[in-house]
Amino acid sequence: MKELPNPTFSLSPVALPRGSLHPGCANSGAQQPAKSERGGLVVAWARHQDEVRQAQRLRHDVFAGEMGARLTSPLPGHDIDLFDDYCEHLLVRDEATSDVIGTYRVLTPAQARRVGGTYSDTEFDLTRLRSLRSRMVELGRSCVHADHRHGGVIMALWGALAEFMVRNELDTMIGCASIPMLHNGVVSGDAAASIWQQVRQTHLAPIEYQVLPRLPLPVEQLDASLPIEPPALIKGYLRLGARVLGAPAWDPDFNTADLPMLMRIADLPPRYRKHFLGGQ
């Protein structure tokens, strides 16, 4: 069983292949707990390769089994890509069964430099974010088991992520938030175009942070007038103060439209700051 560095501990960003935390943490003298329990849920960072595999199996079940994504993976039944070995993997388990029911992966700035960029770089030109990269993490591959899609799992994940960010002196999160192309049983981009039309009017980032999709969804050719709500995850991001960085990209492998999102710790509304960080 291959043991991985635990991102909640003070680890060297140079000597280890993973666990690329801010070097200032090494002198703090305090180790944070590897896991926490929140109302029947256990939140922990993966410490062993078999724990990462559990997350990858959940991702495969959700993305390929439910969403019909076409995944290319070296291990059948797992969602694995080249970024996984560079990421920290956050897990939520059902306390009663120990099953992994939710996951995020986190790519830190040092690890992004090692792998040559972020997953978001493959979908968008992120040139305008270059000034943020030294304190910016990428969140990705978020998913929750179909039987546990309630607010508690996402809140548990976000709470651990917020603690991780503050502990390691990181202040910005980016990621691709997916909108399924299937709407009312029909594959089309109309739902994504309609959601983009809504959020661009209320949550578009300032021009200095806006980015361009490498494979744009052709929103001008789609019906953008549907009265459709954004997916729950996107609505949650927006409540946390997130901004949309530009028009959606089309991901043909996952058959989704991906919105580029940015969240900053400084923009957390006071009630969420108190909930996640105790008013820090």
C-alpha atoms as a PDB file:
ATOM      1  CA  MET A   1       0.000   0.000   0.000  1.00  0.00           C
ATOM      2  CA  LYS A   2       1.673   3.169  -1.210  1.00  0.00           C
ATOM      3  CA  GLU A   3       1.554   5.937   1.377  1.00  0.00           C
ATOM      4  CA  LEU A   4       1.043   9.479   0.168  1.00  0.00           C
ATOM      5  CA  PRO A   5       2.027  12.705   1.923  1.00  0.00           C
ATOM      6  CA  ASN A   6      -0.891  14.106   3.888  1.00  0.00           C
ATOM      7  CA  PRO A   7      -1.645  17.690   2.840  1.00  0.00           C
ATOM      8  CA  THR A   8      -2.860  18.616   6.319  1.00  0.00           C
ATOM      9  CA  PHE A   9       0.674  18.179   7.648  1.00  0.00           C
ATOM     10  CA  SER A  10       3.765  20.326   7.060  1.00  0.00           C
ATOM     11  CA  LEU A  11       5.515  18.863   4.029  1.00  0.00           C
ATOM     12  CA  SER A  12       8.399  20.031   1.897  1.00  0.00           C
ATOM     13  CA  PRO A  13       7.356  21.334  -1.555  1.00  0.00           C
ATOM     14  CA  VAL A  14      10.700  20.226  -2.979  1.00  0.00           C
ATOM     15  CA  ALA A  15      11.701  16.905  -1.414  1.00  0.00           C
ATOM     16  CA  LEU A  16       8.428  15.061  -1.960  1.00  0.00           C
ATOM     17  CA  PRO A  17       6.662  14.134  -5.197  1.00  0.00           C
ATOM     18  CA  ARG A  18       3.350  15.356  -3.781  1.00  0.00           C
ATOM     19  CA  GLY A  19       2.091  17.327  -0.791  1.00  0.00           C
ATOM     20  CA  SER A  20       3.281  20.655  -2.159  1.00  0.00           C
ATOM     21  CA  LEU A  21       2.215  22.927   0.641  1.00  0.00           C
ATOM     22  CA  HIS A  22       3.299  26.446   1.354  1.00  0.00           C
ATOM     23  CA  PRO A  23       6.812  26.248   2.860  1.00  0.00           C
ATOM     24  CA  GLY A  24       5.919  28.692   5.611  1.00  0.00           C
ATOM     25  CA  CYS A  25       3.861  25.943   7.258  1.00  0.00           C
ATOM     26  CA  ALA A  26       6.944  23.902   7.998  1.00  0.00           C
ATOM     27  CA  ASN A  27       7.863  26.101  10.916  1.00  0.00           C
ATOM     28  CA  SER A  28       4.453  26.335  12.474  1.00  0.00           C
ATOM     29  CA  GLY A  29       5.181  23.496  14.864  1.00  0.00           C
ATOM     30  CA  ALA A  30       1.548  22.356  14.835  1.00  0.00           C
ATOM     31  CA  GLN A  31       0.101  19.444  12.937  1.00  0.00           C
ATOM     32  CA  GLN A  32      -3.518  19.561  11.949  1.00  0.00           C
ATOM     33  CA  PRO A  33      -5.792  16.524  12.292  1.00  0.00           C
ATOM     34  CA  ALA A  34      -5.880  14.227   9.290  1.00  0.00           C
ATOM     35  CA  LYS A  35      -9.657  13.989   9.412  1.00  0.00           C
ATOM     36  CA  SER A  36     -12.716  15.535  10.961  1.00  0.00           C
ATOM     37  CA  GLU A  37     -16.212  14.253  11.582  1.00  0.00           C
ATOM     38  CA  ARG A  38     -19.251  16.273  10.593  1.00  0.00           C
ATOM     39  CA  GLY A  39     -22.710  14.849  11.284  1.00  0.00           C
ATOM     40  CA  GLY A  40     -22.207  11.241  10.221  1.00  0.00           C
ATOM     41  CA  LEU A  41     -19.605  12.207   7.614  1.00  0.00           C
ATOM     42  CA  VAL A  42     -15.850  11.743   7.890  1.00  0.00           C
ATOM     43  CA  VAL A  43     -13.729  14.218   5.926  1.00  0.00           C
ATOM     44  CA  ALA A  44     -10.103  13.312   5.247  1.00  0.00           C
ATOM     45  CA  TRP A  45      -7.276  13.770   2.776  1.00  0.00           C
ATOM     46  CA  ALA A  46      -6.119  10.631   0.981  1.00  0.00           C
ATOM     47  CA  ARG A  47      -2.930   9.241   2.504  1.00  0.00           C
ATOM     48  CA  HIS A  48      -2.584   6.020   0.507  1.00  0.00           C
ATOM     49  CA  GLN A  49      -2.899   5.086  -3.131  1.00  0.00           C
ATOM     50  CA  ASP A  50      -5.832   2.779  -2.427  1.00  0.00           C
ATOM     51  CA  GLU A  51      -7.763   5.752  -1.014  1.00  0.00           C
ATOM     52  CA  VAL A  52      -7.124   7.693  -4.219  1.00  0.00           C
ATOM     53  CA  ARG A  53      -8.396   4.672  -6.142  1.00  0.00           C
ATOM     54  CA  GLN A  54     -11.644   4.808  -4.165  1.00  0.00           C
ATOM     55  CA  ALA A  55     -12.128   8.412  -5.257  1.00  0.00           C
ATOM     56  CA  GLN A  56     -11.327   7.503  -8.851  1.00  0.00           C
ATOM     57  CA  ARG A  57     -13.890   4.698  -8.795  1.00  0.00           C
ATOM     58  CA  LEU A  58     -16.558   7.068  -7.495  1.00  0.00           C
ATOM     59  CA  ARG A  59     -15.642   9.559 -10.215  1.00  0.00           C
ATOM     60  CA  HIS A  60     -15.946   6.855 -12.870  1.00  0.00           C
ATOM     61  CA  ASP A  61     -19.345   5.769 -11.561  1.00  0.00           C
ATOM     62  CA  VAL A  62     -20.654   9.343 -11.670  1.00  0.00           C
ATOM     63  CA  PHE A  63     -19.009  10.682 -14.828  1.00  0.00           C
ATOM     64  CA  ALA A  64     -19.119   7.579 -17.037  1.00  0.00           C
ATOM     65  CA  GLY A  65     -22.004   5.664 -15.450  1.00  0.00           C
ATOM     66  CA  GLU A  66     -24.405   8.569 -14.946  1.00  0.00           C
ATOM     67  CA  MET A  67     -23.249  11.276 -17.339  1.00  0.00           C
ATOM     68  CA  GLY A  68     -22.014   9.104 -20.199  1.00  0.00           C
ATOM     69  CA  ALA A  69     -18.522  10.584 -20.288  1.00  0.00           C
ATOM     70  CA  ARG A  70     -16.017   8.904 -22.585  1.00  0.00           C
ATOM     71  CA  LEU A  71     -13.083   8.282 -20.272  1.00  0.00           C
ATOM     72  CA  THR A  72      -9.638   7.099 -21.306  1.00  0.00           C
ATOM     73  CA  SER A  73      -8.081   5.448 -18.273  1.00  0.00           C
ATOM     74  CA  PRO A  74      -5.199   3.042 -17.656  1.00  0.00           C
ATOM     75  CA  LEU A  75      -7.342   1.189 -15.108  1.00  0.00           C
ATOM     76  CA  PRO A  76     -10.848  -0.040 -16.008  1.00  0.00           C
ATOM     77  CA  GLY A  77     -13.616   1.325 -13.801  1.00  0.00           C
ATOM     78  CA  HIS A  78     -11.518   4.293 -12.646  1.00  0.00           C
ATOM     79  CA  ASP A  79     -11.362   7.916 -13.797  1.00  0.00           C
ATOM     80  CA  ILE A  80      -7.614   8.642 -13.965  1.00  0.00           C
ATOM     81  CA  ASP A  81      -5.780  11.375 -15.845  1.00  0.00           C
ATOM     82  CA  LEU A  82      -2.262  12.819 -15.861  1.00  0.00           C
ATOM     83  CA  PHE A  83      -3.090  15.413 -13.162  1.00  0.00           C
ATOM     84  CA  ASP A  84      -4.149  12.897 -10.498  1.00  0.00           C
ATOM     85  CA  ASP A  85      -0.620  12.011  -9.360  1.00  0.00           C
ATOM     86  CA  TYR A  86       0.086  15.700  -8.715  1.00  0.00           C
ATOM     87  CA  CYS A  87      -3.132  16.437  -6.830  1.00  0.00           C
ATOM     88  CA  GLU A  88      -4.250  16.143  -3.235  1.00  0.00           C
ATOM     89  CA  HIS A  89      -7.502  14.167  -2.988  1.00  0.00           C
ATOM     90  CA  LEU A  90     -10.140  15.179  -0.469  1.00  0.00           C
ATOM     91  CA  LEU A  91     -12.596  12.458   0.542  1.00  0.00           C
ATOM     92  CA  VAL A  92     -15.921  12.413   2.348  1.00  0.00           C
ATOM     93  CA  ARG A  93     -16.942   9.043   3.761  1.00  0.00           C
ATOM     94  CA  ASP A  94     -20.211   7.801   5.163  1.00  0.00           C
ATOM     95  CA  GLU A  95     -19.279   7.198   8.798  1.00  0.00           C
ATOM     96  CA  ALA A  96     -21.539   4.128   9.016  1.00  0.00           C
ATOM     97  CA  THR A  97     -20.120   2.306   5.981  1.00  0.00           C
ATOM     98  CA  SER A  98     -16.719   4.004   5.405  1.00  0.00           C
ATOM     99  CA  ASP A  99     -17.654   4.294   1.709  1.00  0.00           C
ATOM    100  CA  VAL A 100     -16.287   7.307  -0.177  1.00  0.00           C
ATOM    101  CA  ILE A 101     -19.386   9.311  -1.119  1.00  0.00           C
ATOM    102  CA  GLY A 102     -17.821  12.606  -2.167  1.00  0.00           C
ATOM    103  CA  THR A 103     -14.509  13.862  -3.488  1.00  0.00           C
ATOM    104  CA  TYR A 104     -12.564  16.832  -4.787  1.00  0.00           C
ATOM    105  CA  ARG A 105      -9.050  16.955  -6.085  1.00  0.00           C
ATOM    106  CA  VAL A 106      -6.809  19.947  -5.394  1.00  0.00           C
ATOM    107  CA  LEU A 107      -3.835  21.044  -7.483  1.00  0.00           C
ATOM    108  CA  THR A 108      -1.555  23.392  -5.549  1.00  0.00           C
ATOM    109  CA  PRO A 109       0.645  26.087  -7.165  1.00  0.00           C
ATOM    110  CA  ALA A 110       3.890  24.137  -6.751  1.00  0.00           C
ATOM    111  CA  GLN A 111       2.359  21.003  -8.225  1.00  0.00           C
ATOM    112  CA  ALA A 112       0.836  22.959 -11.115  1.00  0.00           C
ATOM    113  CA  ARG A 113       4.330  24.167 -11.972  1.00  0.00           C
ATOM    114  CA  ARG A 114       5.620  20.583 -11.885  1.00  0.00           C
ATOM    115  CA  VAL A 115       2.937  19.183 -14.170  1.00  0.00           C
ATOM    116  CA  GLY A 116       3.143  22.204 -16.472  1.00  0.00           C
ATOM    117  CA  GLY A 117      -0.204  23.852 -15.761  1.00  0.00           C
ATOM    118  CA  THR A 118      -3.708  23.115 -14.570  1.00  0.00           C
ATOM    119  CA  TYR A 119      -6.555  21.127 -16.085  1.00  0.00           C
ATOM    120  CA  SER A 120      -8.296  24.466 -16.637  1.00  0.00           C
ATOM    121  CA  ASP A 121      -5.373  25.526 -18.848  1.00  0.00           C
ATOM    122  CA  THR A 122      -6.350  22.739 -21.262  1.00  0.00           C
ATOM    123  CA  GLU A 123      -9.822  24.262 -21.674  1.00  0.00           C
ATOM    124  CA  PHE A 124      -9.118  27.996 -21.371  1.00  0.00           C
ATOM    125  CA  ASP A 125      -6.441  30.576 -22.057  1.00  0.00           C
ATOM    126  CA  LEU A 126      -5.698  31.686 -18.481  1.00  0.00           C
ATOM    127  CA  THR A 127      -3.123  34.359 -19.380  1.00  0.00           C
ATOM    128  CA  ARG A 128      -4.958  37.034 -17.398  1.00  0.00           C
ATOM    129  CA  LEU A 129      -4.687  34.969 -14.200  1.00  0.00           C
ATOM    130  CA  ARG A 130      -0.883  34.853 -14.201  1.00  0.00           C
ATOM    131  CA  SER A 131      -0.622  37.341 -11.330  1.00  0.00           C
ATOM    132  CA  LEU A 132      -2.765  35.036  -9.134  1.00  0.00           C
ATOM    133  CA  ARG A 133      -1.004  31.719  -9.780  1.00  0.00           C
ATOM    134  CA  SER A 134       1.469  31.778  -6.892  1.00  0.00           C
ATOM    135  CA  ARG A 135      -1.424  31.573  -4.382  1.00  0.00           C
ATOM    136  CA  MET A 136      -4.019  29.849  -6.560  1.00  0.00           C
ATOM    137  CA  VAL A 137      -5.242  26.251  -6.346  1.00  0.00           C
ATOM    138  CA  GLU A 138      -7.359  24.411  -8.857  1.00  0.00           C
ATOM    139  CA  LEU A 139     -10.388  22.443  -7.704  1.00  0.00           C
ATOM    140  CA  GLY A 140     -11.549  19.642  -9.940  1.00  0.00           C
ATOM    141  CA  ARG A 141     -13.359  16.352 -10.438  1.00  0.00           C
ATOM    142  CA  SER A 142     -15.975  17.242  -7.838  1.00  0.00           C
ATOM    143  CA  CYS A 143     -18.620  14.578  -7.459  1.00  0.00           C
ATOM    144  CA  VAL A 144     -21.012  13.103  -4.900  1.00  0.00           C
ATOM    145  CA  HIS A 145     -22.611   9.661  -4.887  1.00  0.00           C
ATOM    146  CA  ALA A 146     -26.210   9.688  -6.139  1.00  0.00           C
ATOM    147  CA  ASP A 147     -27.571   8.499  -2.767  1.00  0.00           C
ATOM    148  CA  HIS A 148     -25.923  11.343  -0.839  1.00  0.00           C
ATOM    149  CA  ARG A 149     -26.592  14.482  -2.853  1.00  0.00           C
ATOM    150  CA  HIS A 150     -27.587  16.750  -0.031  1.00  0.00           C
ATOM    151  CA  GLY A 151     -26.010  19.923   1.247  1.00  0.00           C
ATOM    152  CA  GLY A 152     -24.113  18.204   4.045  1.00  0.00           C
ATOM    153  CA  VAL A 153     -21.577  16.488   1.798  1.00  0.00           C
ATOM    154  CA  ILE A 154     -20.738  19.615  -0.191  1.00  0.00           C
ATOM    155  CA  MET A 155     -20.542  21.735   2.970  1.00  0.00           C
ATOM    156  CA  ALA A 156     -18.158  19.196   4.506  1.00  0.00           C
ATOM    157  CA  LEU A 157     -15.944  19.344   1.414  1.00  0.00           C
ATOM    158  CA  TRP A 158     -15.985  23.141   1.300  1.00  0.00           C
ATOM    159  CA  GLY A 159     -15.214  23.418   5.005  1.00  0.00           C
ATOM    160  CA  ALA A 160     -12.096  21.263   4.626  1.00  0.00           C
ATOM    161  CA  LEU A 161     -11.047  23.188   1.523  1.00  0.00           C
ATOM    162  CA  ALA A 162     -11.387  26.541   3.282  1.00  0.00           C
ATOM    163  CA  GLU A 163      -9.281  25.320   6.208  1.00  0.00           C
ATOM    164  CA  PHE A 164      -6.676  23.996   3.757  1.00  0.00           C
ATOM    165  CA  MET A 165      -6.495  27.335   1.938  1.00  0.00           C
ATOM    166  CA  VAL A 166      -6.060  29.464   5.050  1.00  0.00           C
ATOM    167  CA  ARG A 167      -3.576  27.064   6.685  1.00  0.00           C
ATOM    168  CA  ASN A 168      -1.346  27.129   3.632  1.00  0.00           C
ATOM    169  CA  GLU A 169      -1.616  30.860   2.900  1.00  0.00           C
ATOM    170  CA  LEU A 170      -3.451  30.358  -0.388  1.00  0.00           C
ATOM    171  CA  ASP A 171      -6.228  32.749  -1.354  1.00  0.00           C
ATOM    172  CA  THR A 172      -7.668  31.887  -4.775  1.00  0.00           C
ATOM    173  CA  MET A 173      -9.489  28.853  -6.178  1.00  0.00           C
ATOM    174  CA  ILE A 174     -10.286  28.200  -9.820  1.00  0.00           C
ATOM    175  CA  GLY A 175     -12.033  25.362 -11.590  1.00  0.00           C
ATOM    176  CA  CYS A 176     -14.325  24.296 -14.417  1.00  0.00           C
ATOM    177  CA  ALA A 177     -17.966  23.996 -13.369  1.00  0.00           C
ATOM    178  CA  SER A 178     -19.808  21.624 -15.662  1.00  0.00           C
ATOM    179  CA  ILE A 179     -23.273  21.971 -17.186  1.00  0.00           C
ATOM    180  CA  PRO A 180     -24.660  18.757 -18.762  1.00  0.00           C
ATOM    181  CA  MET A 181     -25.496  19.048 -22.462  1.00  0.00           C
ATOM    182  CA  LEU A 182     -28.539  16.813 -21.947  1.00  0.00           C
ATOM    183  CA  HIS A 183     -31.699  18.831 -21.310  1.00  0.00           C
ATOM    184  CA  ASN A 184     -35.215  17.348 -21.208  1.00  0.00           C
ATOM    185  CA  GLY A 185     -33.846  14.177 -22.714  1.00  0.00           C
ATOM    186  CA  VAL A 186     -32.276  15.963 -25.682  1.00  0.00           C
ATOM    187  CA  VAL A 187     -28.570  16.596 -26.226  1.00  0.00           C
ATOM    188  CA  SER A 188     -28.209  20.305 -26.873  1.00  0.00           C
ATOM    189  CA  GLY A 189     -26.276  23.296 -25.609  1.00  0.00           C
ATOM    190  CA  ASP A 190     -29.386  25.421 -25.068  1.00  0.00           C
ATOM    191  CA  ALA A 191     -29.388  24.916 -21.296  1.00  0.00           C
ATOM    192  CA  ALA A 192     -25.728  25.896 -21.010  1.00  0.00           C
ATOM    193  CA  ALA A 193     -26.233  28.934 -23.237  1.00  0.00           C
ATOM    194  CA  SER A 194     -29.194  30.027 -21.100  1.00  0.00           C
ATOM    195  CA  ILE A 195     -27.268  29.626 -17.855  1.00  0.00           C
ATOM    196  CA  TRP A 196     -24.321  31.549 -19.295  1.00  0.00           C
ATOM    197  CA  GLN A 197     -26.690  34.354 -20.333  1.00  0.00           C
ATOM    198  CA  GLN A 198     -27.995  34.539 -16.742  1.00  0.00           C
ATOM    199  CA  VAL A 199     -24.700  34.452 -14.850  1.00  0.00           C
ATOM    200  CA  ARG A 200     -22.849  36.812 -17.158  1.00  0.00           C
ATOM    201  CA  GLN A 201     -25.301  39.547 -16.165  1.00  0.00           C
ATOM    202  CA  THR A 202     -24.886  39.055 -12.416  1.00  0.00           C
ATOM    203  CA  HIS A 203     -21.584  37.299 -11.662  1.00  0.00           C
ATOM    204  CA  LEU A 204     -19.117  38.050 -14.454  1.00  0.00           C
ATOM    205  CA  ALA A 205     -15.585  38.770 -13.253  1.00  0.00           C
ATOM    206  CA  PRO A 206     -13.882  42.092 -14.047  1.00  0.00           C
ATOM    207  CA  ILE A 207     -12.281  42.253 -17.479  1.00  0.00           C
ATOM    208  CA  GLU A 208      -8.754  41.876 -16.065  1.00  0.00           C
ATOM    209  CA  TYR A 209      -9.606  38.303 -14.954  1.00  0.00           C
ATOM    210  CA  GLN A 210     -11.677  37.163 -17.912  1.00  0.00           C
ATOM    211  CA  VAL A 211     -10.461  34.154 -19.907  1.00  0.00           C
ATOM    212  CA  LEU A 212     -11.140  32.640 -23.331  1.00  0.00           C
ATOM    213  CA  PRO A 213     -12.285  29.071 -24.080  1.00  0.00           C
ATOM    214  CA  ARG A 214     -10.060  27.015 -26.367  1.00  0.00           C
ATOM    215  CA  LEU A 215     -13.065  25.134 -27.770  1.00  0.00           C
ATOM    216  CA  PRO A 216     -15.966  27.558 -27.284  1.00  0.00           C
ATOM    217  CA  LEU A 217     -19.528  26.397 -26.943  1.00  0.00           C
ATOM    218  CA  PRO A 218     -21.245  28.162 -29.903  1.00  0.00           C
ATOM    219  CA  VAL A 219     -23.616  30.099 -27.665  1.00  0.00           C
ATOM    220  CA  GLU A 220     -24.595  32.523 -30.444  1.00  0.00           C
ATOM    221  CA  GLN A 221     -26.152  29.625 -32.372  1.00  0.00           C
ATOM    222  CA  LEU A 222     -28.128  28.294 -29.401  1.00  0.00           C
ATOM    223  CA  ASP A 223     -31.357  29.218 -27.647  1.00  0.00           C
ATOM    224  CA  ALA A 224     -30.247  31.209 -24.596  1.00  0.00           C
ATOM    225  CA  SER A 225     -33.757  32.101 -23.416  1.00  0.00           C
ATOM    226  CA  LEU A 226     -34.654  28.961 -21.445  1.00  0.00           C
ATOM    227  CA  PRO A 227     -35.872  29.655 -17.872  1.00  0.00           C
ATOM    228  CA  ILE A 228     -33.486  27.098 -16.380  1.00  0.00           C
ATOM    229  CA  GLU A 229     -31.591  27.235 -13.097  1.00  0.00           C
ATOM    230  CA  PRO A 230     -27.845  26.562 -12.917  1.00  0.00           C
ATOM    231  CA  PRO A 231     -26.739  23.211 -11.450  1.00  0.00           C
ATOM    232  CA  ALA A 232     -26.648  23.106  -7.653  1.00  0.00           C
ATOM    233  CA  LEU A 233     -22.843  23.201  -7.527  1.00  0.00           C
ATOM    234  CA  ILE A 234     -22.671  26.380  -9.616  1.00  0.00           C
ATOM    235  CA  LYS A 235     -25.380  28.017  -7.494  1.00  0.00           C
ATOM    236  CA  GLY A 236     -23.379  27.064  -4.415  1.00  0.00           C
ATOM    237  CA  TYR A 237     -20.213  28.625  -5.827  1.00  0.00           C
ATOM    238  CA  LEU A 238     -22.054  31.841  -6.620  1.00  0.00           C
ATOM    239  CA  ARG A 239     -23.429  32.020  -3.072  1.00  0.00           C
ATOM    240  CA  LEU A 240     -19.836  31.762  -1.839  1.00  0.00           C
ATOM    241  CA  GLY A 241     -18.887  34.853  -3.824  1.00  0.00           C
ATOM    242  CA  ALA A 242     -17.496  33.128  -6.918  1.00  0.00           C
ATOM    243  CA  ARG A 243     -17.193  34.890 -10.257  1.00  0.00           C
ATOM    244  CA  VAL A 244     -17.577  33.496 -13.757  1.00  0.00           C
ATOM    245  CA  LEU A 245     -14.469  34.207 -15.807  1.00  0.00           C
ATOM    246  CA  GLY A 246     -16.005  34.001 -19.258  1.00  0.00           C
ATOM    247  CA  ALA A 247     -18.041  32.053 -21.782  1.00  0.00           C
ATOM    248  CA  PRO A 248     -18.269  28.255 -21.512  1.00  0.00           C
ATOM    249  CA  ALA A 249     -15.985  25.783 -23.236  1.00  0.00           C
ATOM    250  CA  TRP A 250     -17.317  22.587 -24.739  1.00  0.00           C
ATOM    251  CA  ASP A 251     -15.837  19.371 -23.348  1.00  0.00           C
ATOM    252  CA  PRO A 252     -16.730  16.669 -25.887  1.00  0.00           C
ATOM    253  CA  ASP A 253     -15.347  13.808 -23.767  1.00  0.00           C
ATOM    254  CA  PHE A 254     -17.567  14.619 -20.792  1.00  0.00           C
ATOM    255  CA  ASN A 255     -20.332  16.021 -23.048  1.00  0.00           C
ATOM    256  CA  THR A 256     -20.595  19.109 -20.879  1.00  0.00           C
ATOM    257  CA  ALA A 257     -20.264  22.860 -21.165  1.00  0.00           C
ATOM    258  CA  ASP A 258     -17.671  24.069 -18.670  1.00  0.00           C
ATOM    259  CA  LEU A 259     -17.831  27.487 -17.051  1.00  0.00           C
ATOM    260  CA  PRO A 260     -14.537  28.904 -15.743  1.00  0.00           C
ATOM    261  CA  MET A 261     -15.045  29.915 -12.098  1.00  0.00           C
ATOM    262  CA  LEU A 262     -12.913  31.828  -9.609  1.00  0.00           C
ATOM    263  CA  MET A 263     -13.396  32.073  -5.841  1.00  0.00           C
ATOM    264  CA  ARG A 264     -11.289  34.096  -3.441  1.00  0.00           C
ATOM    265  CA  ILE A 265     -11.175  33.663   0.325  1.00  0.00           C
ATOM    266  CA  ALA A 266     -11.470  37.437   0.733  1.00  0.00           C
ATOM    267  CA  ASP A 267     -14.803  37.378  -1.130  1.00  0.00           C
ATOM    268  CA  LEU A 268     -16.498  34.828   1.145  1.00  0.00           C
ATOM    269  CA  PRO A 269     -19.686  36.376   2.537  1.00  0.00           C
ATOM    270  CA  PRO A 270     -19.449  36.951   6.313  1.00  0.00           C
ATOM    271  CA  ARG A 271     -21.853  34.156   7.253  1.00  0.00           C
ATOM    272  CA  TYR A 272     -19.871  31.580   5.259  1.00  0.00           C
ATOM    273  CA  ARG A 273     -16.576  32.928   6.554  1.00  0.00           C
ATOM    274  CA  LYS A 274     -17.846  32.406  10.090  1.00  0.00           C
ATOM    275  CA  HIS A 275     -19.170  28.929   9.265  1.00  0.00           C
ATOM    276  CA  PHE A 276     -16.018  27.682   7.564  1.00  0.00           C
ATOM    277  CA  LEU A 277     -13.278  29.672   9.279  1.00  0.00           C
ATOM    278  CA  GLY A 278     -14.724  30.822  12.580  1.00  0.00           C
ATOM    279  CA  GLY A 279     -14.498  34.452  11.547  1.00  0.00           C
ATOM    280  CA  GLN A 280     -10.838  34.427  10.438  1.00  0.00           C
END
